[in-house]
Amino acid sequence: HLKFDNADHILRIIDRMVAPLGKRFDEPTPIGNFRLLDGSRMSAIHYTIADNGPILTITKRDHRSLDVADLIRFGTVTEPAMKMLRVCVLVGCNILITGLPDAGRTTLLNVLCGFIPSDELIVTIEDASELSLLQEEIVLLHTRPPNVANEGEITKQHLLRYSEALNPDRIVVSEVSGEEVYNLMTTSIPWMTTFLARDPEEAVPKLEPLYLMGDEKRPLKAVRSRISDRVDLIIHIDRLRSGDRRVTRISEVYFDNNEQVVVHDLFRFEDISGLEQPRLQGMLRRVNQPTNNLRHRLGDEIIKMFNDEA
C-alpha cells in the first residue's frame, strides 16, 4: 500500500494539485473544496484546525456515461416518470434538479440532456468537465478562477451573459450556487441545472438571496413570483440509507393567489420497507395531475398520452 511519509508530504501533494487551479490552501485558508481538472472533487483540511490532520479526500469522477435504460434498470427512476420528463425536456421546460452532495444530480442532468433534439444549439456551463453530451451542436464553456494576482476570473455569471449573445436553443449549467441564479431566472432561453437542497420546499427560499445578488432592490414577493414562474419542474434525487440513488419527487412550482410558493408533487417515492429493513423498498408513483400551467406547456394530447401510460 502507498503511504504518505508525514504531514508535510501530504501538504506538498495538496499544493501540487491545487496550484493549477489558482486556488490557495494554507494556514490562512485551512479548508478547501476543489474541483480538479479531470472533474474529480477534492476536499482538504489543514492540520492547524484538525488534530489528526491534514485530511485529504478525493472523489474520483466516474467516466462511464449512464443512459435512460441504466437509470430505469437501477431503479433510480421509473419508466412512466421518465416518459414525462422526456416530453418536458423536448418542449423546453426549465428544470431544476435538487439533492444533497453525491445524490446523483449531475448524472441525472446528463441523462436528461440526452433528450434535447440534436438540431438545437446547446451551451453548457461548468466549473470542470462533468457533462458528456452526445449532440454535435454544443458550445462548452468553463469557469476560470482568478490568478495569483486575483485577476482574470471568469464566473458562471459571466458565461451566462456571454451565452445569450450566442442565441442558443438551450442552456445547461452543471450547478448554480451564486449570483448566476439571477441571470438564469431572467433569461428567456430554456435551461436545466442542479441545485443543492434537501427537498423542493427548501429550494426556492435558498434561491431567493442568490437572485437578490443581481437585483437587490426587487421586493421579495416579486422575487418569489419570478422564481416560481421560471422554474417549471423540480426533480429531487436522494441517496437513501441503503446507498441507492432514487428520484423521490417530481414537482411543479407555482405562485398561488395568497402570494405563496406552492410545490405541487406529480410523482412521489413511497417507502414501503419500514425502518427495520436494511434496504429501502418502494416505488416512484404518480400522485397528482399536472396543473394548468404545465398543461399549457405540454399540450392536452401529451397529457392524455401520459395519463394513459402512467
C-alpha atoms as a PDB file:
ATOM      1  CA  HIS A   1       0.000   0.000   0.000  1.00  0.00           C
ATOM      2  CA  LEU A   2       1.179   3.505  -0.761  1.00  0.00           C
ATOM      3  CA  LYS A   3       1.510   5.774   2.266  1.00  0.00           C
ATOM      4  CA  PHE A   4       2.383   9.394   2.904  1.00  0.00           C
ATOM      5  CA  ASP A   5       5.654   9.910   4.734  1.00  0.00           C
ATOM      6  CA  ASN A   6       4.313  12.578   7.072  1.00  0.00           C
ATOM      7  CA  ALA A   7       2.023  15.614   7.274  1.00  0.00           C
ATOM      8  CA  ASP A   8       4.371  17.773   5.200  1.00  0.00           C
ATOM      9  CA  HIS A   9       4.304  15.148   2.443  1.00  0.00           C
ATOM     10  CA  ILE A  10       0.503  15.371   2.300  1.00  0.00           C
ATOM     11  CA  LEU A  11       0.650  19.187   2.188  1.00  0.00           C
ATOM     12  CA  ARG A  12       3.127  19.093  -0.704  1.00  0.00           C
ATOM     13  CA  ILE A  13       0.814  16.788  -2.659  1.00  0.00           C
ATOM     14  CA  ILE A  14      -2.156  19.048  -1.981  1.00  0.00           C
ATOM     15  CA  ASP A  15      -0.173  22.095  -3.109  1.00  0.00           C
ATOM     16  CA  ARG A  16       0.737  20.373  -6.384  1.00  0.00           C
ATOM     17  CA  MET A  17      -2.912  19.528  -7.037  1.00  0.00           C
ATOM     18  CA  VAL A  18      -4.252  22.961  -6.095  1.00  0.00           C
ATOM     19  CA  ALA A  19      -1.639  25.102  -7.880  1.00  0.00           C
ATOM     20  CA  PRO A  20      -3.044  24.651 -11.445  1.00  0.00           C
ATOM     21  CA  LEU A  21      -6.455  25.756 -10.155  1.00  0.00           C
ATOM     22  CA  GLY A  22      -5.184  29.132  -8.993  1.00  0.00           C
ATOM     23  CA  LYS A  23      -6.502  28.362  -5.505  1.00  0.00           C
ATOM     24  CA  ARG A  24      -4.977  28.603  -2.035  1.00  0.00           C
ATOM     25  CA  PHE A  25      -4.707  26.011   0.695  1.00  0.00           C
ATOM     26  CA  ASP A  26      -2.543  27.055   3.637  1.00  0.00           C
ATOM     27  CA  GLU A  27      -2.755  28.147   7.257  1.00  0.00           C
ATOM     28  CA  PRO A  28      -4.760  31.344   6.497  1.00  0.00           C
ATOM     29  CA  THR A  29      -7.060  29.309   4.188  1.00  0.00           C
ATOM     30  CA  PRO A  30      -7.283  25.987   6.046  1.00  0.00           C
ATOM     31  CA  ILE A  31     -10.389  24.498   4.434  1.00  0.00           C
ATOM     32  CA  GLY A  32     -10.695  23.853   0.722  1.00  0.00           C
ATOM     33  CA  ASN A  33     -13.186  22.231  -1.616  1.00  0.00           C
ATOM     34  CA  PHE A  34     -11.749  21.952  -5.109  1.00  0.00           C
ATOM     35  CA  ARG A  35     -12.813  20.594  -8.457  1.00  0.00           C
ATOM     36  CA  LEU A  36      -9.759  19.145 -10.158  1.00  0.00           C
ATOM     37  CA  LEU A  37      -9.033  19.420 -13.872  1.00  0.00           C
ATOM     38  CA  ASP A  38     -10.185  15.850 -14.556  1.00  0.00           C
ATOM     39  CA  GLY A  39     -13.553  16.522 -12.896  1.00  0.00           C
ATOM     40  CA  SER A  40     -12.676  14.855  -9.594  1.00  0.00           C
ATOM     41  CA  ARG A  41     -13.543  16.615  -6.357  1.00  0.00           C
ATOM     42  CA  MET A  42     -11.022  17.195  -3.600  1.00  0.00           C
ATOM     43  CA  SER A  43     -11.632  18.302  -0.014  1.00  0.00           C
ATOM     44  CA  ALA A  44      -8.754  19.250   2.250  1.00  0.00           C
ATOM     45  CA  ILE A  45      -8.453  20.345   5.895  1.00  0.00           C
ATOM     46  CA  HIS A  46      -5.250  21.853   7.254  1.00  0.00           C
ATOM     47  CA  TYR A  47      -3.619  20.378  10.361  1.00  0.00           C
ATOM     48  CA  THR A  48      -3.945  23.733  12.143  1.00  0.00           C
ATOM     49  CA  ILE A  49      -7.673  23.094  12.629  1.00  0.00           C
ATOM     50  CA  ALA A  50      -7.713  19.265  12.646  1.00  0.00           C
ATOM     51  CA  ASP A  51      -5.941  17.368  15.427  1.00  0.00           C
ATOM     52  CA  ASN A  52      -5.442  14.368  13.140  1.00  0.00           C
ATOM     53  CA  GLY A  53      -4.846  16.457  10.018  1.00  0.00           C
ATOM     54  CA  PRO A  54      -4.062  17.278   7.378  1.00  0.00           C
ATOM     55  CA  ILE A  55      -7.038  15.465   5.890  1.00  0.00           C
ATOM     56  CA  LEU A  56      -7.373  14.830   2.158  1.00  0.00           C
ATOM     57  CA  THR A  57     -10.410  13.332   0.435  1.00  0.00           C
ATOM     58  CA  ILE A  58     -10.674  12.786  -3.328  1.00  0.00           C
ATOM     59  CA  THR A  59     -13.880  11.721  -5.069  1.00  0.00           C
ATOM     60  CA  LYS A  60     -12.991  10.407  -8.496  1.00  0.00           C
ATOM     61  CA  ARG A  61     -15.242  11.117 -11.418  1.00  0.00           C
ATOM     62  CA  ASP A  62     -16.907   8.081 -12.994  1.00  0.00           C
ATOM     63  CA  HIS A  63     -16.282   8.481 -16.717  1.00  0.00           C
ATOM     64  CA  ARG A  64     -18.915   5.937 -17.689  1.00  0.00           C
ATOM     65  CA  SER A  65     -21.952   7.665 -19.165  1.00  0.00           C
ATOM     66  CA  LEU A  66     -25.223   6.239 -17.919  1.00  0.00           C
ATOM     67  CA  ASP A  67     -28.332   6.406 -20.061  1.00  0.00           C
ATOM     68  CA  VAL A  68     -32.090   6.248 -19.547  1.00  0.00           C
ATOM     69  CA  ALA A  69     -32.153   2.446 -19.596  1.00  0.00           C
ATOM     70  CA  ASP A  70     -29.478   2.335 -16.886  1.00  0.00           C
ATOM     71  CA  LEU A  71     -31.416   4.625 -14.537  1.00  0.00           C
ATOM     72  CA  ILE A  72     -34.605   2.622 -15.031  1.00  0.00           C
ATOM     73  CA  ARG A  73     -32.744  -0.670 -14.525  1.00  0.00           C
ATOM     74  CA  PHE A  74     -31.087   0.607 -11.348  1.00  0.00           C
ATOM     75  CA  GLY A  75     -34.466   1.770 -10.044  1.00  0.00           C
ATOM     76  CA  THR A  76     -33.358   5.407  -9.917  1.00  0.00           C
ATOM     77  CA  VAL A  77     -36.478   6.459 -11.798  1.00  0.00           C
ATOM     78  CA  THR A  78     -39.493   4.682 -13.270  1.00  0.00           C
ATOM     79  CA  GLU A  79     -40.325   4.427 -16.944  1.00  0.00           C
ATOM     80  CA  PRO A  80     -43.609   6.426 -16.697  1.00  0.00           C
ATOM     81  CA  ALA A  81     -41.812   9.254 -14.887  1.00  0.00           C
ATOM     82  CA  MET A  82     -39.005   9.259 -17.437  1.00  0.00           C
ATOM     83  CA  LYS A  83     -41.507   9.409 -20.285  1.00  0.00           C
ATOM     84  CA  MET A  84     -42.994  12.552 -18.791  1.00  0.00           C
ATOM     85  CA  LEU A  85     -39.563  14.063 -18.221  1.00  0.00           C
ATOM     86  CA  ARG A  86     -38.621  13.359 -21.825  1.00  0.00           C
ATOM     87  CA  VAL A  87     -41.615  15.370 -23.026  1.00  0.00           C
ATOM     88  CA  CYS A  88     -40.814  18.175 -20.587  1.00  0.00           C
ATOM     89  CA  VAL A  89     -37.277  18.417 -21.963  1.00  0.00           C
ATOM     90  CA  LEU A  90     -38.471  18.295 -25.577  1.00  0.00           C
ATOM     91  CA  VAL A  91     -40.855  21.225 -25.133  1.00  0.00           C
ATOM     92  CA  GLY A  92     -38.222  23.301 -23.326  1.00  0.00           C
ATOM     93  CA  CYS A  93     -39.305  23.243 -19.690  1.00  0.00           C
ATOM     94  CA  ASN A  94     -36.927  24.869 -17.233  1.00  0.00           C
ATOM     95  CA  ILE A  95     -35.792  22.064 -14.929  1.00  0.00           C
ATOM     96  CA  LEU A  96     -34.093  22.299 -11.537  1.00  0.00           C
ATOM     97  CA  ILE A  97     -32.579  19.095 -10.149  1.00  0.00           C
ATOM     98  CA  THR A  98     -32.167  19.233  -6.372  1.00  0.00           C
ATOM     99  CA  GLY A  99     -30.471  16.967  -3.872  1.00  0.00           C
ATOM    100  CA  LEU A 100     -27.568  16.708  -1.459  1.00  0.00           C
ATOM    101  CA  PRO A 101     -23.934  16.043  -2.443  1.00  0.00           C
ATOM    102  CA  ASP A 102     -23.353  12.655  -4.105  1.00  0.00           C
ATOM    103  CA  ALA A 103     -27.074  12.090  -4.648  1.00  0.00           C
ATOM    104  CA  GLY A 104     -26.615  11.796  -8.408  1.00  0.00           C
ATOM    105  CA  ARG A 105     -27.806  15.235  -9.538  1.00  0.00           C
ATOM    106  CA  THR A 106     -25.234  15.659 -12.316  1.00  0.00           C
ATOM    107  CA  THR A 107     -25.736  12.110 -13.580  1.00  0.00           C
ATOM    108  CA  LEU A 108     -29.474  12.709 -13.866  1.00  0.00           C
ATOM    109  CA  LEU A 109     -28.881  16.060 -15.579  1.00  0.00           C
ATOM    110  CA  ASN A 110     -26.594  14.402 -18.102  1.00  0.00           C
ATOM    111  CA  VAL A 111     -29.220  11.755 -18.902  1.00  0.00           C
ATOM    112  CA  LEU A 112     -31.971  14.353 -19.336  1.00  0.00           C
ATOM    113  CA  CYS A 113     -29.729  16.308 -21.704  1.00  0.00           C
ATOM    114  CA  GLY A 114     -29.868  13.280 -23.986  1.00  0.00           C
ATOM    115  CA  PHE A 115     -33.494  14.200 -24.734  1.00  0.00           C
ATOM    116  CA  ILE A 116     -32.536  17.591 -26.209  1.00  0.00           C
ATOM    117  CA  PRO A 117     -33.103  17.448 -30.002  1.00  0.00           C
ATOM    118  CA  SER A 118     -29.901  17.057 -31.995  1.00  0.00           C
ATOM    119  CA  ASP A 119     -30.610  20.106 -34.166  1.00  0.00           C
ATOM    120  CA  GLU A 120     -30.614  22.501 -31.195  1.00  0.00           C
ATOM    121  CA  LEU A 121     -27.618  24.631 -30.247  1.00  0.00           C
ATOM    122  CA  ILE A 122     -26.689  23.847 -26.627  1.00  0.00           C
ATOM    123  CA  VAL A 123     -24.432  25.914 -24.378  1.00  0.00           C
ATOM    124  CA  THR A 124     -23.059  24.107 -21.333  1.00  0.00           C
ATOM    125  CA  ILE A 125     -21.522  25.962 -18.397  1.00  0.00           C
ATOM    126  CA  GLU A 126     -19.377  24.088 -15.868  1.00  0.00           C
ATOM    127  CA  ASP A 127     -16.595  24.541 -13.362  1.00  0.00           C
ATOM    128  CA  ALA A 128     -14.947  21.376 -14.709  1.00  0.00           C
ATOM    129  CA  SER A 129     -15.978  18.823 -17.324  1.00  0.00           C
ATOM    130  CA  GLU A 130     -18.612  16.543 -15.825  1.00  0.00           C
ATOM    131  CA  LEU A 131     -21.290  16.502 -18.510  1.00  0.00           C
ATOM    132  CA  SER A 132     -20.829  14.303 -21.561  1.00  0.00           C
ATOM    133  CA  LEU A 133     -23.466  15.306 -24.074  1.00  0.00           C
ATOM    134  CA  LEU A 134     -23.538  13.440 -27.376  1.00  0.00           C
ATOM    135  CA  GLN A 135     -25.095  16.165 -29.515  1.00  0.00           C
ATOM    136  CA  GLU A 136     -22.867  17.859 -32.084  1.00  0.00           C
ATOM    137  CA  GLU A 137     -24.139  21.445 -31.826  1.00  0.00           C
ATOM    138  CA  ILE A 138     -22.593  22.262 -28.455  1.00  0.00           C
ATOM    139  CA  VAL A 139     -20.582  25.158 -27.058  1.00  0.00           C
ATOM    140  CA  LEU A 140     -18.675  24.011 -23.949  1.00  0.00           C
ATOM    141  CA  LEU A 141     -17.883  26.858 -21.558  1.00  0.00           C
ATOM    142  CA  HIS A 142     -15.901  26.597 -18.312  1.00  0.00           C
ATOM    143  CA  THR A 143     -15.322  28.968 -15.444  1.00  0.00           C
ATOM    144  CA  ARG A 144     -11.810  30.102 -14.573  1.00  0.00           C
ATOM    145  CA  PRO A 145     -10.510  31.018 -11.115  1.00  0.00           C
ATOM    146  CA  PRO A 146      -8.508  34.217 -10.583  1.00  0.00           C
ATOM    147  CA  ASN A 147      -4.746  34.020 -10.856  1.00  0.00           C
ATOM    148  CA  VAL A 148      -2.343  34.691  -8.013  1.00  0.00           C
ATOM    149  CA  ALA A 149      -2.811  38.437  -8.615  1.00  0.00           C
ATOM    150  CA  ASN A 150      -6.573  37.950  -8.190  1.00  0.00           C
ATOM    151  CA  GLU A 151      -7.181  38.761 -11.860  1.00  0.00           C
ATOM    152  CA  GLY A 152      -8.735  37.026 -14.839  1.00  0.00           C
ATOM    153  CA  GLU A 153     -11.617  35.263 -13.104  1.00  0.00           C
ATOM    154  CA  ILE A 154     -14.449  34.015 -15.328  1.00  0.00           C
ATOM    155  CA  THR A 155     -17.602  33.146 -13.385  1.00  0.00           C
ATOM    156  CA  LYS A 156     -20.801  31.373 -14.332  1.00  0.00           C
ATOM    157  CA  GLN A 157     -22.483  34.763 -14.313  1.00  0.00           C
ATOM    158  CA  HIS A 158     -20.026  35.992 -16.964  1.00  0.00           C
ATOM    159  CA  LEU A 159     -20.613  32.885 -19.059  1.00  0.00           C
ATOM    160  CA  LEU A 160     -24.406  33.129 -18.811  1.00  0.00           C
ATOM    161  CA  ARG A 161     -24.256  36.698 -20.054  1.00  0.00           C
ATOM    162  CA  TYR A 162     -21.997  35.675 -22.918  1.00  0.00           C
ATOM    163  CA  SER A 163     -24.050  32.611 -23.821  1.00  0.00           C
ATOM    164  CA  GLU A 164     -27.139  34.719 -24.533  1.00  0.00           C
ATOM    165  CA  ALA A 165     -25.174  36.500 -27.283  1.00  0.00           C
ATOM    166  CA  LEU A 166     -24.728  33.104 -28.963  1.00  0.00           C
ATOM    167  CA  ASN A 167     -28.534  32.772 -29.234  1.00  0.00           C
ATOM    168  CA  PRO A 168     -28.603  29.113 -28.186  1.00  0.00           C
ATOM    169  CA  ASP A 169     -31.701  26.947 -28.082  1.00  0.00           C
ATOM    170  CA  ARG A 170     -30.788  25.577 -24.664  1.00  0.00           C
ATOM    171  CA  ILE A 171     -28.527  26.402 -21.711  1.00  0.00           C
ATOM    172  CA  VAL A 172     -27.289  23.679 -19.363  1.00  0.00           C
ATOM    173  CA  VAL A 173     -25.483  24.736 -16.162  1.00  0.00           C
ATOM    174  CA  SER A 174     -23.883  21.926 -14.161  1.00  0.00           C
ATOM    175  CA  GLU A 175     -24.808  23.632 -10.869  1.00  0.00           C
ATOM    176  CA  VAL A 176     -25.907  27.063  -9.655  1.00  0.00           C
ATOM    177  CA  SER A 177     -24.843  28.356  -6.261  1.00  0.00           C
ATOM    178  CA  GLY A 178     -24.286  32.122  -6.541  1.00  0.00           C
ATOM    179  CA  GLU A 179     -25.211  35.313  -8.328  1.00  0.00           C
ATOM    180  CA  GLU A 180     -25.624  33.433 -11.618  1.00  0.00           C
ATOM    181  CA  VAL A 181     -29.090  32.475 -10.321  1.00  0.00           C
ATOM    182  CA  TYR A 182     -30.283  35.977 -11.248  1.00  0.00           C
ATOM    183  CA  ASN A 183     -29.104  35.568 -14.837  1.00  0.00           C
ATOM    184  CA  LEU A 184     -30.683  32.140 -15.145  1.00  0.00           C
ATOM    185  CA  MET A 185     -34.029  33.338 -13.812  1.00  0.00           C
ATOM    186  CA  THR A 186     -34.140  36.317 -16.173  1.00  0.00           C
ATOM    187  CA  THR A 187     -33.132  34.642 -19.414  1.00  0.00           C
ATOM    188  CA  SER A 188     -35.780  33.619 -21.934  1.00  0.00           C
ATOM    189  CA  ILE A 189     -33.697  30.663 -23.128  1.00  0.00           C
ATOM    190  CA  PRO A 190     -34.808  27.235 -21.831  1.00  0.00           C
ATOM    191  CA  TRP A 191     -32.412  25.846 -19.240  1.00  0.00           C
ATOM    192  CA  MET A 192     -31.615  22.914 -16.975  1.00  0.00           C
ATOM    193  CA  THR A 193     -29.370  22.914 -13.914  1.00  0.00           C
ATOM    194  CA  THR A 194     -28.756  21.389 -10.475  1.00  0.00           C
ATOM    195  CA  PHE A 195     -29.011  22.986  -7.046  1.00  0.00           C
ATOM    196  CA  LEU A 196     -28.046  21.892  -3.542  1.00  0.00           C
ATOM    197  CA  ALA A 197     -31.192  21.478  -1.420  1.00  0.00           C
ATOM    198  CA  ARG A 198     -32.621  18.934   0.991  1.00  0.00           C
ATOM    199  CA  ASP A 199     -36.036  18.954  -0.665  1.00  0.00           C
ATOM    200  CA  PRO A 200     -38.042  21.004  -3.204  1.00  0.00           C
ATOM    201  CA  GLU A 201     -39.566  23.157  -0.445  1.00  0.00           C
ATOM    202  CA  GLU A 202     -36.088  24.298   0.610  1.00  0.00           C
ATOM    203  CA  ALA A 203     -35.014  25.168  -2.929  1.00  0.00           C
ATOM    204  CA  VAL A 204     -36.979  28.377  -3.534  1.00  0.00           C
ATOM    205  CA  PRO A 205     -36.059  30.092  -0.212  1.00  0.00           C
ATOM    206  CA  LYS A 206     -32.404  29.227  -0.893  1.00  0.00           C
ATOM    207  CA  LEU A 207     -32.619  30.667  -4.414  1.00  0.00           C
ATOM    208  CA  GLU A 208     -34.111  33.976  -3.251  1.00  0.00           C
ATOM    209  CA  PRO A 209     -30.964  35.562  -1.726  1.00  0.00           C
ATOM    210  CA  LEU A 210     -28.918  34.405  -4.719  1.00  0.00           C
ATOM    211  CA  TYR A 211     -31.367  36.129  -7.068  1.00  0.00           C
ATOM    212  CA  LEU A 212     -31.166  39.294  -4.974  1.00  0.00           C
ATOM    213  CA  MET A 213     -27.405  39.413  -5.527  1.00  0.00           C
ATOM    214  CA  GLY A 214     -28.256  40.524  -9.056  1.00  0.00           C
ATOM    215  CA  ASP A 215     -31.277  42.694  -8.225  1.00  0.00           C
ATOM    216  CA  GLU A 216     -31.092  43.729  -4.584  1.00  0.00           C
ATOM    217  CA  LYS A 217     -33.883  46.318  -4.834  1.00  0.00           C
ATOM    218  CA  ARG A 218     -36.501  43.891  -6.103  1.00  0.00           C
ATOM    219  CA  PRO A 219     -39.216  43.161  -3.479  1.00  0.00           C
ATOM    220  CA  LEU A 220     -39.093  39.656  -2.059  1.00  0.00           C
ATOM    221  CA  LYS A 221     -42.641  38.978  -3.228  1.00  0.00           C
ATOM    222  CA  ALA A 222     -41.597  39.774  -6.794  1.00  0.00           C
ATOM    223  CA  VAL A 223     -38.518  37.564  -6.461  1.00  0.00           C
ATOM    224  CA  ARG A 224     -40.624  34.607  -5.338  1.00  0.00           C
ATOM    225  CA  SER A 225     -43.055  35.186  -8.166  1.00  0.00           C
ATOM    226  CA  ARG A 226     -40.223  35.338 -10.686  1.00  0.00           C
ATOM    227  CA  ILE A 227     -38.563  32.148  -9.453  1.00  0.00           C
ATOM    228  CA  SER A 228     -41.873  30.293  -9.340  1.00  0.00           C
ATOM    229  CA  ASP A 229     -42.612  31.445 -12.869  1.00  0.00           C
ATOM    230  CA  ARG A 230     -39.212  30.453 -14.248  1.00  0.00           C
ATOM    231  CA  VAL A 231     -38.879  27.016 -12.612  1.00  0.00           C
ATOM    232  CA  ASP A 232     -41.246  24.640 -14.396  1.00  0.00           C
ATOM    233  CA  LEU A 233     -40.151  21.425 -12.676  1.00  0.00           C
ATOM    234  CA  ILE A 234     -38.114  20.433  -9.656  1.00  0.00           C
ATOM    235  CA  ILE A 235     -36.738  16.891  -9.742  1.00  0.00           C
ATOM    236  CA  HIS A 236     -35.424  15.788  -6.343  1.00  0.00           C
ATOM    237  CA  ILE A 237     -32.975  12.901  -6.075  1.00  0.00           C
ATOM    238  CA  ASP A 238     -31.810  11.287  -2.828  1.00  0.00           C
ATOM    239  CA  ARG A 239     -29.123   8.847  -1.806  1.00  0.00           C
ATOM    240  CA  LEU A 240     -31.009   6.536   0.519  1.00  0.00           C
ATOM    241  CA  ARG A 241     -29.745   4.762   3.619  1.00  0.00           C
ATOM    242  CA  SER A 242     -29.193   1.653   1.501  1.00  0.00           C
ATOM    243  CA  GLY A 243     -26.818   3.629  -0.721  1.00  0.00           C
ATOM    244  CA  ASP A 244     -29.236   3.521  -3.653  1.00  0.00           C
ATOM    245  CA  ARG A 245     -29.960   6.728  -5.535  1.00  0.00           C
ATOM    246  CA  ARG A 246     -33.622   7.407  -6.182  1.00  0.00           C
ATOM    247  CA  VAL A 247     -35.659  10.193  -7.711  1.00  0.00           C
ATOM    248  CA  THR A 248     -38.026  10.757  -4.810  1.00  0.00           C
ATOM    249  CA  ARG A 249     -40.113  13.676  -6.087  1.00  0.00           C
ATOM    250  CA  ILE A 250     -41.013  15.373  -9.353  1.00  0.00           C
ATOM    251  CA  SER A 251     -42.843  18.612  -8.664  1.00  0.00           C
ATOM    252  CA  GLU A 252     -44.264  21.715 -10.255  1.00  0.00           C
ATOM    253  CA  VAL A 253     -43.755  25.114  -8.661  1.00  0.00           C
ATOM    254  CA  TYR A 254     -46.221  27.978  -8.839  1.00  0.00           C
ATOM    255  CA  PHE A 255     -47.190  31.210  -7.070  1.00  0.00           C
ATOM    256  CA  ASP A 256     -50.733  30.991  -5.716  1.00  0.00           C
ATOM    257  CA  ASN A 257     -53.371  33.654  -5.078  1.00  0.00           C
ATOM    258  CA  ASN A 258     -52.168  34.008  -1.488  1.00  0.00           C
ATOM    259  CA  GLU A 259     -48.733  35.017  -2.759  1.00  0.00           C
ATOM    260  CA  GLN A 260     -47.183  31.784  -1.530  1.00  0.00           C
ATOM    261  CA  VAL A 261     -44.865  29.419  -3.370  1.00  0.00           C
ATOM    262  CA  VAL A 262     -46.601  26.065  -3.835  1.00  0.00           C
ATOM    263  CA  VAL A 263     -44.738  22.826  -4.549  1.00  0.00           C
ATOM    264  CA  HIS A 264     -47.181  20.532  -6.361  1.00  0.00           C
ATOM    265  CA  ASP A 265     -45.937  16.934  -6.496  1.00  0.00           C
ATOM    266  CA  LEU A 266     -46.607  14.959  -9.661  1.00  0.00           C
ATOM    267  CA  PHE A 267     -44.565  11.926  -8.593  1.00  0.00           C
ATOM    268  CA  ARG A 268     -43.508  10.927  -5.086  1.00  0.00           C
ATOM    269  CA  PHE A 269     -41.469   7.999  -3.807  1.00  0.00           C
ATOM    270  CA  GLU A 270     -43.459   5.810  -1.440  1.00  0.00           C
ATOM    271  CA  ASP A 271     -41.369   3.879   1.094  1.00  0.00           C
ATOM    272  CA  ILE A 272     -42.956   0.545   1.996  1.00  0.00           C
ATOM    273  CA  SER A 273     -39.946  -1.116   3.648  1.00  0.00           C
ATOM    274  CA  GLY A 274     -40.175   0.096   7.242  1.00  0.00           C
ATOM    275  CA  LEU A 275     -37.264   1.112   9.440  1.00  0.00           C
ATOM    276  CA  GLU A 276     -36.295  -2.478  10.248  1.00  0.00           C
ATOM    277  CA  GLN A 277     -35.437  -3.268   6.626  1.00  0.00           C
ATOM    278  CA  PRO A 278     -31.742  -2.893   5.656  1.00  0.00           C
ATOM    279  CA  ARG A 279     -32.656  -1.802   2.122  1.00  0.00           C
ATOM    280  CA  LEU A 280     -35.370   0.670   1.338  1.00  0.00           C
ATOM    281  CA  GLN A 281     -38.139  -0.647  -0.876  1.00  0.00           C
ATOM    282  CA  GLY A 282     -40.697   1.465  -2.641  1.00  0.00           C
ATOM    283  CA  MET A 283     -41.825   2.999  -5.883  1.00  0.00           C
ATOM    284  CA  LEU A 284     -41.962   6.415  -7.501  1.00  0.00           C
ATOM    285  CA  ARG A 285     -45.706   6.809  -8.053  1.00  0.00           C
ATOM    286  CA  ARG A 286     -47.841   9.387  -9.799  1.00  0.00           C
ATOM    287  CA  VAL A 287     -49.759  11.247  -7.109  1.00  0.00           C
ATOM    288  CA  ASN A 288     -51.276  14.284  -8.869  1.00  0.00           C
ATOM    289  CA  GLN A 289     -52.274  15.607 -12.259  1.00  0.00           C
ATOM    290  CA  PRO A 290     -50.243  18.457 -13.766  1.00  0.00           C
ATOM    291  CA  THR A 291     -51.711  21.882 -13.145  1.00  0.00           C
ATOM    292  CA  ASN A 292     -52.913  24.135 -15.928  1.00  0.00           C
ATOM    293  CA  ASN A 293     -49.508  25.826 -16.003  1.00  0.00           C
ATOM    294  CA  LEU A 294     -47.729  22.659 -17.081  1.00  0.00           C
ATOM    295  CA  ARG A 295     -50.640  21.501 -19.217  1.00  0.00           C
ATOM    296  CA  HIS A 296     -50.243  24.680 -21.222  1.00  0.00           C
ATOM    297  CA  ARG A 297     -46.568  23.886 -21.814  1.00  0.00           C
ATOM    298  CA  LEU A 298     -47.061  20.231 -22.709  1.00  0.00           C
ATOM    299  CA  GLY A 299     -50.400  20.299 -24.516  1.00  0.00           C
ATOM    300  CA  ASP A 300     -53.556  18.324 -23.810  1.00  0.00           C
ATOM    301  CA  GLU A 301     -52.696  15.497 -26.208  1.00  0.00           C
ATOM    302  CA  ILE A 302     -49.384  14.848 -24.488  1.00  0.00           C
ATOM    303  CA  ILE A 303     -51.052  14.944 -21.075  1.00  0.00           C
ATOM    304  CA  LYS A 304     -53.614  12.413 -22.257  1.00  0.00           C
ATOM    305  CA  MET A 305     -50.883  10.155 -23.563  1.00  0.00           C
ATOM    306  CA  PHE A 306     -49.031  10.427 -20.282  1.00  0.00           C
ATOM    307  CA  ASN A 307     -52.194   9.615 -18.282  1.00  0.00           C
ATOM    308  CA  ASP A 308     -52.860   6.539 -20.412  1.00  0.00           C
ATOM    309  CA  GLU A 309     -49.327   5.210 -19.900  1.00  0.00           C
ATOM    310  CA  ALA A 310     -48.787   6.108 -16.236  1.00  0.00           C
END
